[in-house]
Amino acid sequence: MPYRTLLPLAAVGLLAAVLSTAGSAAQRPLPAANGDALWISDSPLEDGRRLLIVVDPATRHAAVYHVDPQGGSLTLKSARDISSDLLLDEFNVQEPTPAALRKMLQPGRETVR
């Protein structure tokens, strides 16, 4: 079976393992098919479903899933390459922005209390 076919199957298997051991919100690294670790965040939603966020640090890709434990369905809600996102200094931020904080913390500047 080609590697590209095995990776999604391995990811679904890992997600099933997370669900079987998840009680409350959890974040943990799990080994991927290629030996690297996937970061998986598992949180309950108000309607009884679970929210899974899977990040592959090696490829800088993220995927968001909703899981219905009653019916056993796993629904992909979003997936993207986050490498460009991680290059941004700031986006959709509120005051004080990271740039404003850096400026406040420059040596010789008086800090605001």
PDB file of N, CA and C in Angstrom:
ATOM      1  N   MET A   1       0.853  -1.184   0.000  1.00  0.00           N
ATOM      2  CA  MET A   1       0.000   0.000   0.000  1.00  0.00           C
ATOM      3  C   MET A   1       0.893   1.238   0.000  1.00  0.00           C
ATOM      4  N   PRO A   2       0.646   2.240  -0.852  1.00  0.00           N
ATOM      5  CA  PRO A   2       1.494   3.437  -0.909  1.00  0.00           C
ATOM      6  C   PRO A   2       1.471   4.217   0.399  1.00  0.00           C
ATOM      7  N   TYR A   3       2.579   4.924   0.645  1.00  0.00           N
ATOM      8  CA  TYR A   3       2.728   5.718   1.867  1.00  0.00           C
ATOM      9  C   TYR A   3       1.588   6.715   2.026  1.00  0.00           C
ATOM     10  N   ARG A   4       1.181   7.387   0.934  1.00  0.00           N
ATOM     11  CA  ARG A   4       0.114   8.394   1.007  1.00  0.00           C
ATOM     12  C   ARG A   4      -1.212   7.770   1.405  1.00  0.00           C
ATOM     13  N   THR A   5      -1.415   6.498   1.174  1.00  0.00           N
ATOM     14  CA  THR A   5      -2.630   5.808   1.584  1.00  0.00           C
ATOM     15  C   THR A   5      -2.533   5.392   3.048  1.00  0.00           C
ATOM     16  N   LEU A   6      -1.356   4.992   3.478  1.00  0.00           N
ATOM     17  CA  LEU A   6      -1.175   4.544   4.857  1.00  0.00           C
ATOM     18  C   LEU A   6      -1.270   5.688   5.862  1.00  0.00           C
ATOM     19  N   LEU A   7      -0.777   6.869   5.503  1.00  0.00           N
ATOM     20  CA  LEU A   7      -0.765   7.981   6.452  1.00  0.00           C
ATOM     21  C   LEU A   7      -2.163   8.364   6.914  1.00  0.00           C
ATOM     22  N   PRO A   8      -3.159   8.553   6.009  1.00  0.00           N
ATOM     23  CA  PRO A   8      -4.501   8.865   6.509  1.00  0.00           C
ATOM     24  C   PRO A   8      -5.087   7.754   7.361  1.00  0.00           C
ATOM     25  N   LEU A   9      -4.835   6.500   6.996  1.00  0.00           N
ATOM     26  CA  LEU A   9      -5.340   5.390   7.796  1.00  0.00           C
ATOM     27  C   LEU A   9      -4.717   5.388   9.184  1.00  0.00           C
ATOM     28  N   ALA A  10      -3.427   5.672   9.254  1.00  0.00           N
ATOM     29  CA  ALA A  10      -2.750   5.732  10.546  1.00  0.00           C
ATOM     30  C   ALA A  10      -3.290   6.885  11.384  1.00  0.00           C
ATOM     31  N   ALA A  11      -3.552   8.032  10.750  1.00  0.00           N
ATOM     32  CA  ALA A  11      -4.090   9.189  11.478  1.00  0.00           C
ATOM     33  C   ALA A  11      -5.456   8.879  12.054  1.00  0.00           C
ATOM     34  N   VAL A  12      -6.314   8.228  11.280  1.00  0.00           N
ATOM     35  CA  VAL A  12      -7.645   7.866  11.785  1.00  0.00           C
ATOM     36  C   VAL A  12      -7.509   6.884  12.942  1.00  0.00           C
ATOM     37  N   GLY A  13      -6.584   5.946  12.840  1.00  0.00           N
ATOM     38  CA  GLY A  13      -6.346   5.006  13.944  1.00  0.00           C
ATOM     39  C   GLY A  13      -5.892   5.723  15.198  1.00  0.00           C
ATOM     40  N   LEU A  14      -5.020   6.704  15.043  1.00  0.00           N
ATOM     41  CA  LEU A  14      -4.565   7.483  16.194  1.00  0.00           C
ATOM     42  C   LEU A  14      -5.706   8.287  16.799  1.00  0.00           C
ATOM     43  N   LEU A  15      -6.567   8.839  15.956  1.00  0.00           N
ATOM     44  CA  LEU A  15      -7.717   9.584  16.462  1.00  0.00           C
ATOM     45  C   LEU A  15      -8.646   8.669  17.247  1.00  0.00           C
ATOM     46  N   ALA A  16      -8.837   7.465  16.777  1.00  0.00           N
ATOM     47  CA  ALA A  16      -9.664   6.501  17.501  1.00  0.00           C
ATOM     48  C   ALA A  16      -9.045   6.176  18.850  1.00  0.00           C
ATOM     49  N   ALA A  17      -7.718   6.065  18.899  1.00  0.00           N
ATOM     50  CA  ALA A  17      -7.037   5.805  20.170  1.00  0.00           C
ATOM     51  C   ALA A  17      -7.228   6.962  21.135  1.00  0.00           C
ATOM     52  N   VAL A  18      -7.173   8.173  20.624  1.00  0.00           N
ATOM     53  CA  VAL A  18      -7.383   9.346  21.472  1.00  0.00           C
ATOM     54  C   VAL A  18      -8.784   9.328  22.048  1.00  0.00           C
ATOM     55  N   LEU A  19      -9.766   9.037  21.209  1.00  0.00           N
ATOM     56  CA  LEU A  19     -11.155   9.029  21.665  1.00  0.00           C
ATOM     57  C   LEU A  19     -11.401   7.957  22.713  1.00  0.00           C
ATOM     58  N   SER A  20     -10.763   6.827  22.562  1.00  0.00           N
ATOM     59  CA  SER A  20     -11.003   5.747  23.507  1.00  0.00           C
ATOM     60  C   SER A  20     -10.411   6.037  24.874  1.00  0.00           C
ATOM     61  N   THR A  21      -9.429   6.935  24.946  1.00  0.00           N
ATOM     62  CA  THR A  21      -8.796   7.243  26.232  1.00  0.00           C
ATOM     63  C   THR A  21      -9.150   8.631  26.736  1.00  0.00           C
ATOM     64  N   ALA A  22      -9.896   9.415  25.947  1.00  0.00           N
ATOM     65  CA  ALA A  22     -10.170  10.802  26.305  1.00  0.00           C
ATOM     66  C   ALA A  22     -11.334  10.897  27.267  1.00  0.00           C
ATOM     67  N   GLY A  23     -11.137  11.672  28.304  1.00  0.00           N
ATOM     68  CA  GLY A  23     -12.212  11.991  29.217  1.00  0.00           C
ATOM     69  C   GLY A  23     -12.510  13.457  29.081  1.00  0.00           C
ATOM     70  N   SER A  24     -11.631  14.270  29.612  1.00  0.00           N
ATOM     71  CA  SER A  24     -11.775  15.717  29.465  1.00  0.00           C
ATOM     72  C   SER A  24     -10.802  16.192  28.397  1.00  0.00           C
ATOM     73  N   ALA A  25     -10.672  17.502  28.289  1.00  0.00           N
ATOM     74  CA  ALA A  25      -9.782  18.062  27.275  1.00  0.00           C
ATOM     75  C   ALA A  25      -8.365  17.535  27.476  1.00  0.00           C
ATOM     76  N   ALA A  26      -7.705  17.221  26.364  1.00  0.00           N
ATOM     77  CA  ALA A  26      -6.353  16.668  26.444  1.00  0.00           C
ATOM     78  C   ALA A  26      -5.534  17.150  25.265  1.00  0.00           C
ATOM     79  N   GLN A  27      -4.241  17.289  25.513  1.00  0.00           N
ATOM     80  CA  GLN A  27      -3.296  17.598  24.452  1.00  0.00           C
ATOM     81  C   GLN A  27      -2.123  16.662  24.637  1.00  0.00           C
ATOM     82  N   ARG A  28      -1.778  15.976  23.568  1.00  0.00           N
ATOM     83  CA  ARG A  28      -0.666  15.043  23.698  1.00  0.00           C
ATOM     84  C   ARG A  28      -0.064  14.734  22.339  1.00  0.00           C
ATOM     85  N   PRO A  29       1.240  14.455  22.323  1.00  0.00           N
ATOM     86  CA  PRO A  29       1.853  14.010  21.068  1.00  0.00           C
ATOM     87  C   PRO A  29       1.628  12.508  20.894  1.00  0.00           C
ATOM     88  N   LEU A  30       1.344  12.092  19.684  1.00  0.00           N
ATOM     89  CA  LEU A  30       1.209  10.674  19.364  1.00  0.00           C
ATOM     90  C   LEU A  30       2.073  10.385  18.151  1.00  0.00           C
ATOM     91  N   PRO A  31       2.707   9.215  18.100  1.00  0.00           N
ATOM     92  CA  PRO A  31       3.577   8.915  16.967  1.00  0.00           C
ATOM     93  C   PRO A  31       2.792   8.787  15.671  1.00  0.00           C
ATOM     94  N   ALA A  32       3.342   9.343  14.611  1.00  0.00           N
ATOM     95  CA  ALA A  32       2.730   9.241  13.289  1.00  0.00           C
ATOM     96  C   ALA A  32       3.327   8.051  12.559  1.00  0.00           C
ATOM     97  N   ALA A  33       2.793   7.739  11.388  1.00  0.00           N
ATOM     98  CA  ALA A  33       3.261   6.591  10.609  1.00  0.00           C
ATOM     99  C   ALA A  33       4.735   6.721  10.233  1.00  0.00           C
ATOM    100  N   ASN A  34       5.215   7.968  10.055  1.00  0.00           N
ATOM    101  CA  ASN A  34       6.605   8.159   9.650  1.00  0.00           C
ATOM    102  C   ASN A  34       7.552   8.273  10.846  1.00  0.00           C
ATOM    103  N   GLY A  35       7.047   8.065  12.067  1.00  0.00           N
ATOM    104  CA  GLY A  35       7.891   8.113  13.258  1.00  0.00           C
ATOM    105  C   GLY A  35       7.901   9.459  13.946  1.00  0.00           C
ATOM    106  N   ASP A  36       7.450  10.525  13.269  1.00  0.00           N
ATOM    107  CA  ASP A  36       7.348  11.832  13.910  1.00  0.00           C
ATOM    108  C   ASP A  36       6.120  11.843  14.810  1.00  0.00           C
ATOM    109  N   ALA A  37       5.993  12.864  15.623  1.00  0.00           N
ATOM    110  CA  ALA A  37       4.844  12.962  16.517  1.00  0.00           C
ATOM    111  C   ALA A  37       3.806  13.911  15.944  1.00  0.00           C
ATOM    112  N   LEU A  38       2.538  13.499  15.994  1.00  0.00           N
ATOM    113  CA  LEU A  38       1.420  14.381  15.692  1.00  0.00           C
ATOM    114  C   LEU A  38       0.963  14.977  17.007  1.00  0.00           C
ATOM    115  N   TRP A  39       0.630  16.252  17.023  1.00  0.00           N
ATOM    116  CA  TRP A  39       0.055  16.861  18.217  1.00  0.00           C
ATOM    117  C   TRP A  39      -1.447  16.842  18.062  1.00  0.00           C
ATOM    118  N   ILE A  40      -2.128  16.273  19.053  1.00  0.00           N
ATOM    119  CA  ILE A  40      -3.579  16.149  18.999  1.00  0.00           C
ATOM    120  C   ILE A  40      -4.181  16.793  20.234  1.00  0.00           C
ATOM    121  N   SER A  41      -5.118  17.713  20.007  1.00  0.00           N
ATOM    122  CA  SER A  41      -5.862  18.348  21.090  1.00  0.00           C
ATOM    123  C   SER A  41      -7.295  17.848  21.001  1.00  0.00           C
ATOM    124  N   ASP A  42      -7.812  17.355  22.112  1.00  0.00           N
ATOM    125  CA  ASP A  42      -9.134  16.761  22.172  1.00  0.00           C
ATOM    126  C   ASP A  42      -9.951  17.511  23.222  1.00  0.00           C
ATOM    127  N   SER A  43     -11.093  18.076  22.815  1.00  0.00           N
ATOM    128  CA  SER A  43     -11.926  18.847  23.737  1.00  0.00           C
ATOM    129  C   SER A  43     -13.394  18.499  23.514  1.00  0.00           C
ATOM    130  N   PRO A  44     -14.169  18.482  24.598  1.00  0.00           N
ATOM    131  CA  PRO A  44     -15.610  18.234  24.430  1.00  0.00           C
ATOM    132  C   PRO A  44     -16.312  19.481  23.907  1.00  0.00           C
ATOM    133  N   LEU A  45     -17.342  19.270  23.094  1.00  0.00           N
ATOM    134  CA  LEU A  45     -18.203  20.352  22.643  1.00  0.00           C
ATOM    135  C   LEU A  45     -19.510  20.282  23.433  1.00  0.00           C
ATOM    136  N   GLU A  46     -20.229  21.380  23.491  1.00  0.00           N
ATOM    137  CA  GLU A  46     -21.453  21.443  24.292  1.00  0.00           C
ATOM    138  C   GLU A  46     -22.515  20.446  23.855  1.00  0.00           C
ATOM    139  N   ASP A  47     -22.522  20.096  22.578  1.00  0.00           N
ATOM    140  CA  ASP A  47     -23.565  19.197  22.069  1.00  0.00           C
ATOM    141  C   ASP A  47     -23.209  17.714  22.209  1.00  0.00           C
ATOM    142  N   GLY A  48     -22.119  17.404  22.915  1.00  0.00           N
ATOM    143  CA  GLY A  48     -21.734  16.012  23.134  1.00  0.00           C
ATOM    144  C   GLY A  48     -20.683  15.501  22.160  1.00  0.00           C
ATOM    145  N   ARG A  49     -20.499  16.202  21.043  1.00  0.00           N
ATOM    146  CA  ARG A  49     -19.439  15.806  20.112  1.00  0.00           C
ATOM    147  C   ARG A  49     -18.094  16.209  20.697  1.00  0.00           C
ATOM    148  N   ARG A  50     -17.036  15.814  20.046  1.00  0.00           N
ATOM    149  CA  ARG A  50     -15.690  16.175  20.469  1.00  0.00           C
ATOM    150  C   ARG A  50     -15.016  16.940  19.346  1.00  0.00           C
ATOM    151  N   LEU A  51     -14.141  17.855  19.722  1.00  0.00           N
ATOM    152  CA  LEU A  51     -13.356  18.634  18.780  1.00  0.00           C
ATOM    153  C   LEU A  51     -11.932  18.104  18.829  1.00  0.00           C
ATOM    154  N   LEU A  52     -11.414  17.671  17.691  1.00  0.00           N
ATOM    155  CA  LEU A  52     -10.033  17.203  17.605  1.00  0.00           C
ATOM    156  C   LEU A  52      -9.267  18.133  16.686  1.00  0.00           C
ATOM    157  N   ILE A  53      -8.135  18.610  17.169  1.00  0.00           N
ATOM    158  CA  ILE A  53      -7.226  19.398  16.345  1.00  0.00           C
ATOM    159  C   ILE A  53      -5.950  18.585  16.222  1.00  0.00           C
ATOM    160  N   VAL A  54      -5.548  18.304  14.998  1.00  0.00           N
ATOM    161  CA  VAL A  54      -4.362  17.496  14.738  1.00  0.00           C
ATOM    162  C   VAL A  54      -3.351  18.366  14.012  1.00  0.00           C
ATOM    163  N   VAL A  55      -2.134  18.449  14.555  1.00  0.00           N
ATOM    164  CA  VAL A  55      -1.072  19.232  13.936  1.00  0.00           C
ATOM    165  C   VAL A  55       0.108  18.306  13.677  1.00  0.00           C
ATOM    166  N   ASP A  56       0.602  18.346  12.455  1.00  0.00           N
ATOM    167  CA  ASP A  56       1.811  17.613  12.088  1.00  0.00           C
ATOM    168  C   ASP A  56       2.945  18.628  12.034  1.00  0.00           C
ATOM    169  N   PRO A  57       3.784  18.695  13.086  1.00  0.00           N
ATOM    170  CA  PRO A  57       4.860  19.686  13.111  1.00  0.00           C
ATOM    171  C   PRO A  57       5.875  19.504  11.985  1.00  0.00           C
ATOM    172  N   ALA A  58       6.054  18.291  11.520  1.00  0.00           N
ATOM    173  CA  ALA A  58       7.043  18.038  10.461  1.00  0.00           C
ATOM    174  C   ALA A  58       6.626  18.690   9.143  1.00  0.00           C
ATOM    175  N   THR A  59       5.345  18.634   8.814  1.00  0.00           N
ATOM    176  CA  THR A  59       4.866  19.206   7.557  1.00  0.00           C
ATOM    177  C   THR A  59       4.179  20.550   7.757  1.00  0.00           C
ATOM    178  N   ARG A  60       3.955  20.935   9.016  1.00  0.00           N
ATOM    179  CA  ARG A  60       3.256  22.184   9.359  1.00  0.00           C
ATOM    180  C   ARG A  60       1.865  22.240   8.744  1.00  0.00           C
ATOM    181  N   HIS A  61       1.145  21.140   8.915  1.00  0.00           N
ATOM    182  CA  HIS A  61      -0.240  21.053   8.487  1.00  0.00           C
ATOM    183  C   HIS A  61      -1.113  20.853   9.727  1.00  0.00           C
ATOM    184  N   ALA A  62      -2.333  21.386   9.661  1.00  0.00           N
ATOM    185  CA  ALA A  62      -3.293  21.227  10.748  1.00  0.00           C
ATOM    186  C   ALA A  62      -4.623  20.779  10.168  1.00  0.00           C
ATOM    187  N   ALA A  63      -5.350  19.993  10.954  1.00  0.00           N
ATOM    188  CA  ALA A  63      -6.684  19.540  10.563  1.00  0.00           C
ATOM    189  C   ALA A  63      -7.582  19.627  11.787  1.00  0.00           C
ATOM    190  N   VAL A  64      -8.835  19.984  11.554  1.00  0.00           N
ATOM    191  CA  VAL A  64      -9.831  20.088  12.620  1.00  0.00           C
ATOM    192  C   VAL A  64     -10.952  19.113  12.300  1.00  0.00           C
ATOM    193  N   TYR A  65     -11.333  18.310  13.300  1.00  0.00           N
ATOM    194  CA  TYR A  65     -12.376  17.302  13.136  1.00  0.00           C
ATOM    195  C   TYR A  65     -13.449  17.473  14.204  1.00  0.00           C
ATOM    196  N   HIS A  66     -14.671  17.093  13.861  1.00  0.00           N
ATOM    197  CA  HIS A  66     -15.733  16.894  14.842  1.00  0.00           C
ATOM    198  C   HIS A  66     -15.966  15.389  14.906  1.00  0.00           C
ATOM    199  N   VAL A  67     -16.097  14.864  16.109  1.00  0.00           N
ATOM    200  CA  VAL A  67     -16.305  13.438  16.309  1.00  0.00           C
ATOM    201  C   VAL A  67     -17.618  13.243  17.040  1.00  0.00           C
ATOM    202  N   ASP A  68     -18.450  12.376  16.493  1.00  0.00           N
ATOM    203  CA  ASP A  68     -19.717  12.022  17.130  1.00  0.00           C
ATOM    204  C   ASP A  68     -19.530  10.673  17.799  1.00  0.00           C
ATOM    205  N   PRO A  69     -19.368  10.649  19.133  1.00  0.00           N
ATOM    206  CA  PRO A  69     -19.121   9.377  19.791  1.00  0.00           C
ATOM    207  C   PRO A  69     -20.327   8.432  19.737  1.00  0.00           C
ATOM    208  N   GLN A  70     -21.526   8.982  19.587  1.00  0.00           N
ATOM    209  CA  GLN A  70     -22.725   8.143  19.507  1.00  0.00           C
ATOM    210  C   GLN A  70     -22.735   7.329  18.213  1.00  0.00           C
ATOM    211  N   GLY A  71     -22.550   8.016  17.090  1.00  0.00           N
ATOM    212  CA  GLY A  71     -22.599   7.352  15.793  1.00  0.00           C
ATOM    213  C   GLY A  71     -21.248   6.898  15.286  1.00  0.00           C
ATOM    214  N   GLY A  72     -20.180   7.356  15.924  1.00  0.00           N
ATOM    215  CA  GLY A  72     -18.841   6.966  15.523  1.00  0.00           C
ATOM    216  C   GLY A  72     -18.316   7.697  14.294  1.00  0.00           C
ATOM    217  N   SER A  73     -18.973   8.793  13.907  1.00  0.00           N
ATOM    218  CA  SER A  73     -18.515   9.493  12.706  1.00  0.00           C
ATOM    219  C   SER A  73     -17.402  10.477  13.022  1.00  0.00           C
ATOM    220  N   LEU A  74     -16.495  10.596  12.097  1.00  0.00           N
ATOM    221  CA  LEU A  74     -15.382  11.528  12.156  1.00  0.00           C
ATOM    222  C   LEU A  74     -15.526  12.443  10.948  1.00  0.00           C
ATOM    223  N   THR A  75     -15.768  13.750  11.203  1.00  0.00           N
ATOM    224  CA  THR A  75     -16.016  14.691  10.119  1.00  0.00           C
ATOM    225  C   THR A  75     -14.910  15.726  10.063  1.00  0.00           C
ATOM    226  N   LEU A  76     -14.220  15.791   8.937  1.00  0.00           N
ATOM    227  CA  LEU A  76     -13.191  16.798   8.726  1.00  0.00           C
ATOM    228  C   LEU A  76     -13.870  18.147   8.521  1.00  0.00           C
ATOM    229  N   LYS A  77     -13.542  19.128   9.351  1.00  0.00           N
ATOM    230  CA  LYS A  77     -14.135  20.461   9.253  1.00  0.00           C
ATOM    231  C   LYS A  77     -13.214  21.439   8.542  1.00  0.00           C
ATOM    232  N   SER A  78     -11.895  21.269   8.700  1.00  0.00           N
ATOM    233  CA  SER A  78     -10.947  22.202   8.109  1.00  0.00           C
ATOM    234  C   SER A  78      -9.571  21.552   8.062  1.00  0.00           C
ATOM    235  N   ALA A  79      -8.802  21.910   7.046  1.00  0.00           N
ATOM    236  CA  ALA A  79      -7.413  21.454   6.944  1.00  0.00           C
ATOM    237  C   ALA A  79      -6.633  22.513   6.188  1.00  0.00           C
ATOM    238  N   ARG A  80      -5.389  22.734   6.625  1.00  0.00           N
ATOM    239  CA  ARG A  80      -4.575  23.717   5.916  1.00  0.00           C
ATOM    240  C   ARG A  80      -3.107  23.566   6.265  1.00  0.00           C
ATOM    241  N   ASP A  81      -2.297  24.098   5.390  1.00  0.00           N
ATOM    242  CA  ASP A  81      -0.864  24.231   5.616  1.00  0.00           C
ATOM    243  C   ASP A  81      -0.706  25.502   6.453  1.00  0.00           C
ATOM    244  N   ILE A  82      -0.162  25.382   7.654  1.00  0.00           N
ATOM    245  CA  ILE A  82      -0.055  26.540   8.547  1.00  0.00           C
ATOM    246  C   ILE A  82       1.324  27.185   8.521  1.00  0.00           C
ATOM    247  N   SER A  83       2.200  26.750   7.609  1.00  0.00           N
ATOM    248  CA  SER A  83       3.567  27.290   7.597  1.00  0.00           C
ATOM    249  C   SER A  83       3.578  28.799   7.361  1.00  0.00           C
ATOM    250  N   SER A  84       2.743  29.307   6.475  1.00  0.00           N
ATOM    251  CA  SER A  84       2.689  30.761   6.247  1.00  0.00           C
ATOM    252  C   SER A  84       2.088  31.484   7.444  1.00  0.00           C
ATOM    253  N   ASP A  85       1.104  30.860   8.093  1.00  0.00           N
ATOM    254  CA  ASP A  85       0.495  31.460   9.289  1.00  0.00           C
ATOM    255  C   ASP A  85       1.558  31.721  10.359  1.00  0.00           C
ATOM    256  N   LEU A  86       2.484  30.768  10.490  1.00  0.00           N
ATOM    257  CA  LEU A  86       3.492  30.862  11.545  1.00  0.00           C
ATOM    258  C   LEU A  86       4.567  31.910  11.250  1.00  0.00           C
ATOM    259  N   LEU A  87       4.587  32.441  10.032  1.00  0.00           N
ATOM    260  CA  LEU A  87       5.545  33.491   9.677  1.00  0.00           C
ATOM    261  C   LEU A  87       5.043  34.886  10.037  1.00  0.00           C
ATOM    262  N   LEU A  88       3.749  35.012  10.319  1.00  0.00           N
ATOM    263  CA  LEU A  88       3.166  36.314  10.643  1.00  0.00           C
ATOM    264  C   LEU A  88       3.577  36.765  12.040  1.00  0.00           C
ATOM    265  N   ASP A  89       3.926  38.044  12.174  1.00  0.00           N
ATOM    266  CA  ASP A  89       4.193  38.589  13.497  1.00  0.00           C
ATOM    267  C   ASP A  89       2.893  38.812  14.255  1.00  0.00           C
ATOM    268  N   GLU A  90       1.864  39.238  13.545  1.00  0.00           N
ATOM    269  CA  GLU A  90       0.573  39.433  14.183  1.00  0.00           C
ATOM    270  C   GLU A  90      -0.524  39.427  13.128  1.00  0.00           C
ATOM    271  N   PHE A  91      -1.704  38.993  13.540  1.00  0.00           N
ATOM    272  CA  PHE A  91      -2.873  38.964  12.663  1.00  0.00           C
ATOM    273  C   PHE A  91      -4.104  38.892  13.550  1.00  0.00           C
ATOM    274  N   ASN A  92      -5.050  39.774  13.315  1.00  0.00           N
ATOM    275  CA  ASN A  92      -6.308  39.765  14.049  1.00  0.00           C
ATOM    276  C   ASN A  92      -6.059  39.842  15.559  1.00  0.00           C
ATOM    277  N   VAL A  93      -5.205  40.770  15.962  1.00  0.00           N
ATOM    278  CA  VAL A  93      -4.844  40.909  17.373  1.00  0.00           C
ATOM    279  C   VAL A  93      -5.484  42.164  17.966  1.00  0.00           C
ATOM    280  N   GLN A  94      -5.554  42.182  19.270  1.00  0.00           N
ATOM    281  CA  GLN A  94      -6.084  43.339  19.983  1.00  0.00           C
ATOM    282  C   GLN A  94      -4.932  44.063  20.666  1.00  0.00           C
ATOM    283  N   GLU A  95      -5.197  45.292  21.076  1.00  0.00           N
ATOM    284  CA  GLU A  95      -4.195  46.069  21.799  1.00  0.00           C
ATOM    285  C   GLU A  95      -3.981  45.468  23.187  1.00  0.00           C
ATOM    286  N   PRO A  96      -2.780  45.451  23.661  1.00  0.00           N
ATOM    287  CA  PRO A  96      -1.561  45.862  22.970  1.00  0.00           C
ATOM    288  C   PRO A  96      -1.109  44.773  22.000  1.00  0.00           C
ATOM    289  N   THR A  97      -0.726  45.190  20.807  1.00  0.00           N
ATOM    290  CA  THR A  97      -0.227  44.254  19.797  1.00  0.00           C
ATOM    291  C   THR A  97       1.174  43.783  20.198  1.00  0.00           C
ATOM    292  N   PRO A  98       1.634  42.684  19.619  1.00  0.00           N
ATOM    293  CA  PRO A  98       3.006  42.245  19.912  1.00  0.00           C
ATOM    294  C   PRO A  98       4.040  43.335  19.625  1.00  0.00           C
ATOM    295  N   ALA A  99       3.857  44.104  18.545  1.00  0.00           N
ATOM    296  CA  ALA A  99       4.807  45.182  18.222  1.00  0.00           C
ATOM    297  C   ALA A  99       4.782  46.256  19.302  1.00  0.00           C
ATOM    298  N   ALA A 100       3.598  46.598  19.808  1.00  0.00           N
ATOM    299  CA  ALA A 100       3.493  47.600  20.869  1.00  0.00           C
ATOM    300  C   ALA A 100       4.147  47.093  22.151  1.00  0.00           C
ATOM    301  N   LEU A 101       3.980  45.816  22.452  1.00  0.00           N
ATOM    302  CA  LEU A 101       4.627  45.244  23.644  1.00  0.00           C
ATOM    303  C   LEU A 101       6.137  45.262  23.516  1.00  0.00           C
ATOM    304  N   ARG A 102       6.659  44.901  22.331  1.00  0.00           N
ATOM    305  CA  ARG A 102       8.113  44.934  22.123  1.00  0.00           C
ATOM    306  C   ARG A 102       8.636  46.345  22.322  1.00  0.00           C
ATOM    307  N   LYS A 103       7.901  47.332  21.801  1.00  0.00           N
ATOM    308  CA  LYS A 103       8.314  48.724  21.936  1.00  0.00           C
ATOM    309  C   LYS A 103       8.319  49.146  23.409  1.00  0.00           C
ATOM    310  N   MET A 104       7.287  48.726  24.166  1.00  0.00           N
ATOM    311  CA  MET A 104       7.214  49.055  25.597  1.00  0.00           C
ATOM    312  C   MET A 104       8.356  48.425  26.381  1.00  0.00           C
ATOM    313  N   LEU A 105       8.827  47.269  25.932  1.00  0.00           N
ATOM    314  CA  LEU A 105       9.847  46.532  26.659  1.00  0.00           C
ATOM    315  C   LEU A 105      11.269  46.874  26.238  1.00  0.00           C
ATOM    316  N   GLN A 106      11.426  47.821  25.324  1.00  0.00           N
ATOM    317  CA  GLN A 106      12.771  48.226  24.900  1.00  0.00           C
ATOM    318  C   GLN A 106      13.496  48.842  26.087  1.00  0.00           C
ATOM    319  N   PRO A 107      14.811  48.551  26.196  1.00  0.00           N
ATOM    320  CA  PRO A 107      15.599  49.135  27.284  1.00  0.00           C
ATOM    321  C   PRO A 107      15.519  50.669  27.260  1.00  0.00           C
ATOM    322  N   GLY A 108      15.414  51.247  28.434  1.00  0.00           N
ATOM    323  CA  GLY A 108      15.372  52.693  28.536  1.00  0.00           C
ATOM    324  C   GLY A 108      13.977  53.286  28.474  1.00  0.00           C
ATOM    325  N   ARG A 109      13.002  52.470  28.098  1.00  0.00           N
ATOM    326  CA  ARG A 109      11.624  52.952  28.063  1.00  0.00           C
ATOM    327  C   ARG A 109      10.970  52.682  29.395  1.00  0.00           C
ATOM    328  N   GLU A 110      10.180  53.616  29.822  1.00  0.00           N
ATOM    329  CA  GLU A 110       9.454  53.459  31.075  1.00  0.00           C
ATOM    330  C   GLU A 110       8.251  52.549  30.815  1.00  0.00           C
ATOM    331  N   THR A 111       8.027  51.567  31.693  1.00  0.00           N
ATOM    332  CA  THR A 111       6.901  50.663  31.505  1.00  0.00           C
ATOM    333  C   THR A 111       5.624  51.286  32.056  1.00  0.00           C
ATOM    334  N   VAL A 112       4.525  50.948  31.435  1.00  0.00           N
ATOM    335  CA  VAL A 112       3.209  51.446  31.857  1.00  0.00           C
ATOM    336  C   VAL A 112       2.677  50.523  32.915  1.00  0.00           C
ATOM    337  N   ARG A 113       2.153  51.064  33.992  1.00  0.00           N
ATOM    338  CA  ARG A 113       1.600  50.235  35.067  1.00  0.00           C
ATOM    339  C   ARG A 113       0.124  50.434  35.172  1.00  0.00           C
TER     340      ARG A 113
END
